Amino acid sequence: MEPHPIDEDANYLGSRKLLDKVAIISGGDSGIGRAVAIAYAKEGADIVIAYLCEDYDAKHTQARIEQLGRRCLLIKGDISDFSHCK
């Protein structure tokens, strides 16, 4: 994506409101979803990212979340496919 979206406010520290909660974010590998995933991680949540096919973006987001000291699980697949969701 050009230009690259701003996915993080470096000045935002978070207040641990989601400490030890788990957030499941569809499309969390890039764009607004990535920004939400990073913000939730800064609030203390572990993150599950459901994404379609952008492995590079998903791994980039996962690495940033892990840098913030939170866990991140990536689930690749089409969530409009019932068998995948099951």
PDB file of N, CA and C in Angstrom:
ATOM      1  N   MET A   1       0.838  -1.170   0.000  1.00  0.00           N
ATOM      2  CA  MET A   1       0.000   0.000   0.000  1.00  0.00           C
ATOM      3  C   MET A   1       0.886   1.237   0.000  1.00  0.00           C
ATOM      4  N   GLU A   2       0.650   2.111  -0.888  1.00  0.00           N
ATOM      5  CA  GLU A   2       1.414   3.356  -0.967  1.00  0.00           C
ATOM      6  C   GLU A   2       0.465   4.539  -0.895  1.00  0.00           C
ATOM      7  N   PRO A   3       0.689   5.507  -0.099  1.00  0.00           N
ATOM      8  CA  PRO A   3       1.701   5.519   0.958  1.00  0.00           C
ATOM      9  C   PRO A   3       1.317   4.557   2.077  1.00  0.00           C
ATOM     10  N   HIS A   4       2.331   4.152   2.829  1.00  0.00           N
ATOM     11  CA  HIS A   4       2.086   3.239   3.940  1.00  0.00           C
ATOM     12  C   HIS A   4       1.231   3.939   4.991  1.00  0.00           C
ATOM     13  N   PRO A   5       0.210   3.251   5.493  1.00  0.00           N
ATOM     14  CA  PRO A   5      -0.633   3.870   6.519  1.00  0.00           C
ATOM     15  C   PRO A   5       0.122   4.015   7.836  1.00  0.00           C
ATOM     16  N   ILE A   6      -0.262   4.996   8.593  1.00  0.00           N
ATOM     17  CA  ILE A   6       0.295   5.158   9.937  1.00  0.00           C
ATOM     18  C   ILE A   6      -0.434   4.166  10.831  1.00  0.00           C
ATOM     19  N   ASP A   7       0.294   3.221  11.403  1.00  0.00           N
ATOM     20  CA  ASP A   7      -0.347   2.171  12.181  1.00  0.00           C
ATOM     21  C   ASP A   7      -0.078   2.257  13.674  1.00  0.00           C
ATOM     22  N   GLU A   8       0.688   3.274  14.084  1.00  0.00           N
ATOM     23  CA  GLU A   8       1.008   3.373  15.510  1.00  0.00           C
ATOM     24  C   GLU A   8       1.362   4.802  15.876  1.00  0.00           C
ATOM     25  N   ASP A   9       0.853   5.243  17.016  1.00  0.00           N
ATOM     26  CA  ASP A   9       1.240   6.520  17.598  1.00  0.00           C
ATOM     27  C   ASP A   9       2.331   6.214  18.617  1.00  0.00           C
ATOM     28  N   ALA A  10       3.547   6.572  18.291  1.00  0.00           N
ATOM     29  CA  ALA A  10       4.686   6.249  19.162  1.00  0.00           C
ATOM     30  C   ALA A  10       4.563   6.881  20.541  1.00  0.00           C
ATOM     31  N   ASN A  11       3.796   7.938  20.674  1.00  0.00           N
ATOM     32  CA  ASN A  11       3.644   8.615  21.967  1.00  0.00           C
ATOM     33  C   ASN A  11       2.585   7.978  22.861  1.00  0.00           C
ATOM     34  N   TYR A  12       1.777   7.091  22.293  1.00  0.00           N
ATOM     35  CA  TYR A  12       0.706   6.457  23.060  1.00  0.00           C
ATOM     36  C   TYR A  12       1.269   5.285  23.849  1.00  0.00           C
ATOM     37  N   LEU A  13       1.115   5.323  25.167  1.00  0.00           N
ATOM     38  CA  LEU A  13       1.689   4.288  26.020  1.00  0.00           C
ATOM     39  C   LEU A  13       0.672   3.245  26.457  1.00  0.00           C
ATOM     40  N   GLY A  14      -0.587   3.586  26.562  1.00  0.00           N
ATOM     41  CA  GLY A  14      -1.594   2.646  27.051  1.00  0.00           C
ATOM     42  C   GLY A  14      -1.661   2.679  28.562  1.00  0.00           C
ATOM     43  N   SER A  15      -2.793   2.262  29.094  1.00  0.00           N
ATOM     44  CA  SER A  15      -2.988   2.314  30.546  1.00  0.00           C
ATOM     45  C   SER A  15      -3.316   0.948  31.144  1.00  0.00           C
ATOM     46  N   ARG A  16      -3.062  -0.120  30.373  1.00  0.00           N
ATOM     47  CA  ARG A  16      -3.230  -1.503  30.837  1.00  0.00           C
ATOM     48  C   ARG A  16      -4.703  -1.865  31.085  1.00  0.00           C
ATOM     49  N   LYS A  17      -5.634  -1.176  30.437  1.00  0.00           N
ATOM     50  CA  LYS A  17      -7.062  -1.440  30.609  1.00  0.00           C
ATOM     51  C   LYS A  17      -7.462  -2.828  30.130  1.00  0.00           C
ATOM     52  N   LEU A  18      -6.687  -3.426  29.245  1.00  0.00           N
ATOM     53  CA  LEU A  18      -7.007  -4.748  28.704  1.00  0.00           C
ATOM     54  C   LEU A  18      -6.014  -5.811  29.176  1.00  0.00           C
ATOM     55  N   LEU A  19      -5.356  -5.562  30.280  1.00  0.00           N
ATOM     56  CA  LEU A  19      -4.320  -6.462  30.782  1.00  0.00           C
ATOM     57  C   LEU A  19      -4.836  -7.894  30.885  1.00  0.00           C
ATOM     58  N   ASP A  20      -4.131  -8.788  30.216  1.00  0.00           N
ATOM     59  CA  ASP A  20      -4.398 -10.226  30.215  1.00  0.00           C
ATOM     60  C   ASP A  20      -5.742 -10.618  29.593  1.00  0.00           C
ATOM     61  N   LYS A  21      -6.316  -9.741  28.810  1.00  0.00           N
ATOM     62  CA  LYS A  21      -7.488 -10.085  27.999  1.00  0.00           C
ATOM     63  C   LYS A  21      -6.978 -10.540  26.637  1.00  0.00           C
ATOM     64  N   VAL A  22      -7.858 -11.135  25.837  1.00  0.00           N
ATOM     65  CA  VAL A  22      -7.501 -11.558  24.485  1.00  0.00           C
ATOM     66  C   VAL A  22      -8.432 -10.862  23.506  1.00  0.00           C
ATOM     67  N   ALA A  23      -7.855 -10.232  22.501  1.00  0.00           N
ATOM     68  CA  ALA A  23      -8.630  -9.576  21.448  1.00  0.00           C
ATOM     69  C   ALA A  23      -8.475 -10.377  20.160  1.00  0.00           C
ATOM     70  N   ILE A  24      -9.600 -10.694  19.530  1.00  0.00           N
ATOM     71  CA  ILE A  24      -9.593 -11.368  18.234  1.00  0.00           C
ATOM     72  C   ILE A  24      -9.934 -10.320  17.189  1.00  0.00           C
ATOM     73  N   ILE A  25      -9.013 -10.099  16.259  1.00  0.00           N
ATOM     74  CA  ILE A  25      -9.155  -9.023  15.284  1.00  0.00           C
ATOM     75  C   ILE A  25      -9.074  -9.598  13.882  1.00  0.00           C
ATOM     76  N   SER A  26     -10.172  -9.488  13.140  1.00  0.00           N
ATOM     77  CA  SER A  26     -10.133  -9.933  11.747  1.00  0.00           C
ATOM     78  C   SER A  26      -9.534  -8.808  10.917  1.00  0.00           C
ATOM     79  N   GLY A  27      -8.643  -9.164  10.020  1.00  0.00           N
ATOM     80  CA  GLY A  27      -7.974  -8.154   9.204  1.00  0.00           C
ATOM     81  C   GLY A  27      -6.939  -7.361   9.987  1.00  0.00           C
ATOM     82  N   GLY A  28      -6.443  -7.918  11.060  1.00  0.00           N
ATOM     83  CA  GLY A  28      -5.480  -7.220  11.909  1.00  0.00           C
ATOM     84  C   GLY A  28      -4.067  -7.207  11.374  1.00  0.00           C
ATOM     85  N   ASP A  29      -3.865  -7.730  10.173  1.00  0.00           N
ATOM     86  CA  ASP A  29      -2.518  -7.791   9.619  1.00  0.00           C
ATOM     87  C   ASP A  29      -2.059  -6.468   9.022  1.00  0.00           C
ATOM     88  N   SER A  30      -3.002  -5.579   8.654  1.00  0.00           N
ATOM     89  CA  SER A  30      -2.585  -4.328   8.017  1.00  0.00           C
ATOM     90  C   SER A  30      -3.634  -3.243   8.199  1.00  0.00           C
ATOM     91  N   GLY A  31      -3.259  -2.031   7.842  1.00  0.00           N
ATOM     92  CA  GLY A  31      -4.174  -0.901   7.863  1.00  0.00           C
ATOM     93  C   GLY A  31      -4.764  -0.622   9.228  1.00  0.00           C
ATOM     94  N   ILE A  32      -6.074  -0.342   9.237  1.00  0.00           N
ATOM     95  CA  ILE A  32      -6.767  -0.025  10.485  1.00  0.00           C
ATOM     96  C   ILE A  32      -6.697  -1.199  11.458  1.00  0.00           C
ATOM     97  N   GLY A  33      -6.814  -2.416  10.948  1.00  0.00           N
ATOM     98  CA  GLY A  33      -6.736  -3.595  11.811  1.00  0.00           C
ATOM     99  C   GLY A  33      -5.408  -3.688  12.535  1.00  0.00           C
ATOM    100  N   ARG A  34      -4.323  -3.390  11.837  1.00  0.00           N
ATOM    101  CA  ARG A  34      -2.995  -3.403  12.479  1.00  0.00           C
ATOM    102  C   ARG A  34      -2.930  -2.329  13.560  1.00  0.00           C
ATOM    103  N   ALA A  35      -3.449  -1.144  13.269  1.00  0.00           N
ATOM    104  CA  ALA A  35      -3.434  -0.059  14.252  1.00  0.00           C
ATOM    105  C   ALA A  35      -4.214  -0.462  15.501  1.00  0.00           C
ATOM    106  N   VAL A  36      -5.351  -1.096  15.320  1.00  0.00           N
ATOM    107  CA  VAL A  36      -6.152  -1.561  16.454  1.00  0.00           C
ATOM    108  C   VAL A  36      -5.393  -2.631  17.237  1.00  0.00           C
ATOM    109  N   ALA A  37      -4.793  -3.583  16.543  1.00  0.00           N
ATOM    110  CA  ALA A  37      -4.043  -4.652  17.203  1.00  0.00           C
ATOM    111  C   ALA A  37      -2.907  -4.083  18.052  1.00  0.00           C
ATOM    112  N   ILE A  38      -2.180  -3.140  17.514  1.00  0.00           N
ATOM    113  CA  ILE A  38      -1.070  -2.534  18.258  1.00  0.00           C
ATOM    114  C   ILE A  38      -1.585  -1.743  19.454  1.00  0.00           C
ATOM    115  N   ALA A  39      -2.648  -0.983  19.262  1.00  0.00           N
ATOM    116  CA  ALA A  39      -3.213  -0.206  20.374  1.00  0.00           C
ATOM    117  C   ALA A  39      -3.714  -1.129  21.484  1.00  0.00           C
ATOM    118  N   TYR A  40      -4.388  -2.223  21.120  1.00  0.00           N
ATOM    119  CA  TYR A  40      -4.869  -3.173  22.123  1.00  0.00           C
ATOM    120  C   TYR A  40      -3.699  -3.821  22.858  1.00  0.00           C
ATOM    121  N   ALA A  41      -2.640  -4.146  22.134  1.00  0.00           N
ATOM    122  CA  ALA A  41      -1.456  -4.721  22.779  1.00  0.00           C
ATOM    123  C   ALA A  41      -0.851  -3.728  23.764  1.00  0.00           C
ATOM    124  N   LYS A  42      -0.837  -2.454  23.400  1.00  0.00           N
ATOM    125  CA  LYS A  42      -0.318  -1.435  24.319  1.00  0.00           C
ATOM    126  C   LYS A  42      -1.195  -1.308  25.559  1.00  0.00           C
ATOM    127  N   GLU A  43      -2.455  -1.709  25.442  1.00  0.00           N
ATOM    128  CA  GLU A  43      -3.363  -1.702  26.595  1.00  0.00           C
ATOM    129  C   GLU A  43      -3.251  -2.992  27.408  1.00  0.00           C
ATOM    130  N   GLY A  44      -2.419  -3.935  26.943  1.00  0.00           N
ATOM    131  CA  GLY A  44      -2.152  -5.135  27.723  1.00  0.00           C
ATOM    132  C   GLY A  44      -2.773  -6.415  27.198  1.00  0.00           C
ATOM    133  N   ALA A  45      -3.488  -6.354  26.077  1.00  0.00           N
ATOM    134  CA  ALA A  45      -4.158  -7.549  25.550  1.00  0.00           C
ATOM    135  C   ALA A  45      -3.202  -8.414  24.733  1.00  0.00           C
ATOM    136  N   ASP A  46      -3.428  -9.721  24.789  1.00  0.00           N
ATOM    137  CA  ASP A  46      -2.831 -10.632  23.817  1.00  0.00           C
ATOM    138  C   ASP A  46      -3.743 -10.589  22.600  1.00  0.00           C
ATOM    139  N   ILE A  47      -3.198 -10.871  21.427  1.00  0.00           N
ATOM    140  CA  ILE A  47      -3.920 -10.640  20.182  1.00  0.00           C
ATOM    141  C   ILE A  47      -3.988 -11.911  19.341  1.00  0.00           C
ATOM    142  N   VAL A  48      -5.169 -12.151  18.774  1.00  0.00           N
ATOM    143  CA  VAL A  48      -5.359 -13.175  17.745  1.00  0.00           C
ATOM    144  C   VAL A  48      -5.720 -12.419  16.471  1.00  0.00           C
ATOM    145  N   ILE A  49      -4.951 -12.654  15.409  1.00  0.00           N
ATOM    146  CA  ILE A  49      -5.209 -11.991  14.134  1.00  0.00           C
ATOM    147  C   ILE A  49      -5.677 -13.022  13.120  1.00  0.00           C
ATOM    148  N   ALA A  50      -6.908 -12.836  12.648  1.00  0.00           N
ATOM    149  CA  ALA A  50      -7.431 -13.640  11.550  1.00  0.00           C
ATOM    150  C   ALA A  50      -7.198 -12.831  10.277  1.00  0.00           C
ATOM    151  N   TYR A  51      -6.518 -13.434   9.313  1.00  0.00           N
ATOM    152  CA  TYR A  51      -6.199 -12.704   8.083  1.00  0.00           C
ATOM    153  C   TYR A  51      -6.324 -13.634   6.894  1.00  0.00           C
ATOM    154  N   LEU A  52      -6.470 -13.042   5.711  1.00  0.00           N
ATOM    155  CA  LEU A  52      -6.743 -13.819   4.508  1.00  0.00           C
ATOM    156  C   LEU A  52      -5.479 -14.411   3.896  1.00  0.00           C
ATOM    157  N   CYS A  53      -4.524 -13.578   3.465  1.00  0.00           N
ATOM    158  CA  CYS A  53      -3.391 -14.147   2.719  1.00  0.00           C
ATOM    159  C   CYS A  53      -2.086 -13.365   2.815  1.00  0.00           C
ATOM    160  N   GLU A  54      -2.077 -12.235   3.467  1.00  0.00           N
ATOM    161  CA  GLU A  54      -0.872 -11.389   3.493  1.00  0.00           C
ATOM    162  C   GLU A  54       0.075 -11.804   4.621  1.00  0.00           C
ATOM    163  N   ASP A  55       0.832 -12.882   4.374  1.00  0.00           N
ATOM    164  CA  ASP A  55       1.730 -13.417   5.400  1.00  0.00           C
ATOM    165  C   ASP A  55       2.765 -12.399   5.876  1.00  0.00           C
ATOM    166  N   TYR A  56       3.350 -11.650   4.945  1.00  0.00           N
ATOM    167  CA  TYR A  56       4.384 -10.679   5.326  1.00  0.00           C
ATOM    168  C   TYR A  56       3.807  -9.641   6.287  1.00  0.00           C
ATOM    169  N   ASP A  57       2.646  -9.085   5.939  1.00  0.00           N
ATOM    170  CA  ASP A  57       2.017  -8.078   6.802  1.00  0.00           C
ATOM    171  C   ASP A  57       1.662  -8.663   8.159  1.00  0.00           C
ATOM    172  N   ALA A  58       1.126  -9.872   8.159  1.00  0.00           N
ATOM    173  CA  ALA A  58       0.735 -10.513   9.415  1.00  0.00           C
ATOM    174  C   ALA A  58       1.948 -10.729  10.316  1.00  0.00           C
ATOM    175  N   LYS A  59       3.039 -11.196   9.757  1.00  0.00           N
ATOM    176  CA  LYS A  59       4.255 -11.434  10.556  1.00  0.00           C
ATOM    177  C   LYS A  59       4.846 -10.118  11.064  1.00  0.00           C
ATOM    178  N   HIS A  60       4.740  -9.062  10.267  1.00  0.00           N
ATOM    179  CA  HIS A  60       5.203  -7.731  10.678  1.00  0.00           C
ATOM    180  C   HIS A  60       4.406  -7.257  11.902  1.00  0.00           C
ATOM    181  N   THR A  61       3.086  -7.413  11.842  1.00  0.00           N
ATOM    182  CA  THR A  61       2.228  -7.012  12.955  1.00  0.00           C
ATOM    183  C   THR A  61       2.513  -7.880  14.181  1.00  0.00           C
ATOM    184  N   GLN A  62       2.655  -9.178  13.983  1.00  0.00           N
ATOM    185  CA  GLN A  62       2.959 -10.090  15.082  1.00  0.00           C
ATOM    186  C   GLN A  62       4.264  -9.691  15.770  1.00  0.00           C
ATOM    187  N   ALA A  63       5.277  -9.369  14.991  1.00  0.00           N
ATOM    188  CA  ALA A  63       6.574  -8.989  15.567  1.00  0.00           C
ATOM    189  C   ALA A  63       6.443  -7.733  16.434  1.00  0.00           C
ATOM    190  N   ARG A  64       5.671  -6.765  15.976  1.00  0.00           N
ATOM    191  CA  ARG A  64       5.507  -5.526  16.753  1.00  0.00           C
ATOM    192  C   ARG A  64       4.761  -5.806  18.059  1.00  0.00           C
ATOM    193  N   ILE A  65       3.740  -6.622  18.003  1.00  0.00           N
ATOM    194  CA  ILE A  65       2.978  -6.957  19.206  1.00  0.00           C
ATOM    195  C   ILE A  65       3.870  -7.691  20.200  1.00  0.00           C
ATOM    196  N   GLU A  66       4.693  -8.596  19.708  1.00  0.00           N
ATOM    197  CA  GLU A  66       5.610  -9.324  20.597  1.00  0.00           C
ATOM    198  C   GLU A  66       6.681  -8.397  21.164  1.00  0.00           C
ATOM    199  N   GLN A  67       7.107  -7.394  20.406  1.00  0.00           N
ATOM    200  CA  GLN A  67       8.037  -6.387  20.939  1.00  0.00           C
ATOM    201  C   GLN A  67       7.425  -5.637  22.115  1.00  0.00           C
ATOM    202  N   LEU A  68       6.106  -5.505  22.087  1.00  0.00           N
ATOM    203  CA  LEU A  68       5.394  -4.824  23.170  1.00  0.00           C
ATOM    204  C   LEU A  68       5.169  -5.735  24.373  1.00  0.00           C
ATOM    205  N   GLY A  69       5.650  -6.981  24.289  1.00  0.00           N
ATOM    206  CA  GLY A  69       5.562  -7.905  25.413  1.00  0.00           C
ATOM    207  C   GLY A  69       4.272  -8.698  25.482  1.00  0.00           C
ATOM    208  N   ARG A  70       3.513  -8.718  24.397  1.00  0.00           N
ATOM    209  CA  ARG A  70       2.260  -9.459  24.368  1.00  0.00           C
ATOM    210  C   ARG A  70       2.373 -10.633  23.406  1.00  0.00           C
ATOM    211  N   ARG A  71       1.484 -11.595  23.541  1.00  0.00           N
ATOM    212  CA  ARG A  71       1.460 -12.743  22.636  1.00  0.00           C
ATOM    213  C   ARG A  71       0.572 -12.428  21.444  1.00  0.00           C
ATOM    214  N   CYS A  72       0.896 -13.056  20.302  1.00  0.00           N
ATOM    215  CA  CYS A  72       0.114 -12.836  19.088  1.00  0.00           C
ATOM    216  C   CYS A  72       0.017 -14.145  18.312  1.00  0.00           C
ATOM    217  N   LEU A  73      -1.203 -14.601  18.095  1.00  0.00           N
ATOM    218  CA  LEU A  73      -1.471 -15.808  17.324  1.00  0.00           C
ATOM    219  C   LEU A  73      -2.016 -15.398  15.968  1.00  0.00           C
ATOM    220  N   LEU A  74      -1.427 -15.932  14.893  1.00  0.00           N
ATOM    221  CA  LEU A  74      -1.895 -15.653  13.536  1.00  0.00           C
ATOM    222  C   LEU A  74      -2.722 -16.828  13.037  1.00  0.00           C
ATOM    223  N   ILE A  75      -3.891 -16.528  12.487  1.00  0.00           N
ATOM    224  CA  ILE A  75      -4.741 -17.557  11.890  1.00  0.00           C
ATOM    225  C   ILE A  75      -5.045 -17.135  10.461  1.00  0.00           C
ATOM    226  N   LYS A  76      -4.444 -17.864   9.514  1.00  0.00           N
ATOM    227  CA  LYS A  76      -4.619 -17.551   8.097  1.00  0.00           C
ATOM    228  C   LYS A  76      -5.814 -18.317   7.547  1.00  0.00           C
ATOM    229  N   GLY A  77      -6.678 -17.623   6.825  1.00  0.00           N
ATOM    230  CA  GLY A  77      -7.806 -18.286   6.194  1.00  0.00           C
ATOM    231  C   GLY A  77      -8.931 -17.312   5.900  1.00  0.00           C
ATOM    232  N   ASP A  78      -9.916 -17.823   5.216  1.00  0.00           N
ATOM    233  CA  ASP A  78     -11.071 -17.026   4.791  1.00  0.00           C
ATOM    234  C   ASP A  78     -12.198 -17.196   5.802  1.00  0.00           C
ATOM    235  N   ILE A  79     -12.474 -16.163   6.595  1.00  0.00           N
ATOM    236  CA  ILE A  79     -13.504 -16.290   7.627  1.00  0.00           C
ATOM    237  C   ILE A  79     -14.923 -16.285   7.049  1.00  0.00           C
ATOM    238  N   SER A  80     -15.057 -16.082   5.742  1.00  0.00           N
ATOM    239  CA  SER A  80     -16.377 -16.232   5.128  1.00  0.00           C
ATOM    240  C   SER A  80     -16.643 -17.699   4.772  1.00  0.00           C
ATOM    241  N   ASP A  81     -15.635 -18.548   4.951  1.00  0.00           N
ATOM    242  CA  ASP A  81     -15.751 -19.987   4.678  1.00  0.00           C
ATOM    243  C   ASP A  81     -16.094 -20.701   5.997  1.00  0.00           C
ATOM    244  N   PHE A  82     -17.287 -21.262   6.056  1.00  0.00           N
ATOM    245  CA  PHE A  82     -17.773 -21.909   7.288  1.00  0.00           C
ATOM    246  C   PHE A  82     -16.806 -22.992   7.774  1.00  0.00           C
ATOM    247  N   SER A  83     -16.272 -23.789   6.874  1.00  0.00           N
ATOM    248  CA  SER A  83     -15.379 -24.885   7.295  1.00  0.00           C
ATOM    249  C   SER A  83     -14.107 -24.354   7.939  1.00  0.00           C
ATOM    250  N   HIS A  84     -13.632 -23.213   7.476  1.00  0.00           N
ATOM    251  CA  HIS A  84     -12.452 -22.607   8.110  1.00  0.00           C
ATOM    252  C   HIS A  84     -12.784 -22.161   9.533  1.00  0.00           C
ATOM    253  N   CYS A  85     -13.921 -21.534   9.702  1.00  0.00           N
ATOM    254  CA  CYS A  85     -14.301 -21.029  11.023  1.00  0.00           C
ATOM    255  C   CYS A  85     -14.567 -22.152  12.014  1.00  0.00           C
ATOM    256  N   LYS A  86     -15.085 -23.251  11.508  1.00  0.00           N
ATOM    257  CA  LYS A  86     -15.396 -24.384  12.373  1.00  0.00           C
ATOM    258  C   LYS A  86     -14.111 -24.983  12.924  1.00  0.00           C
TER     259      LYS A  86
END
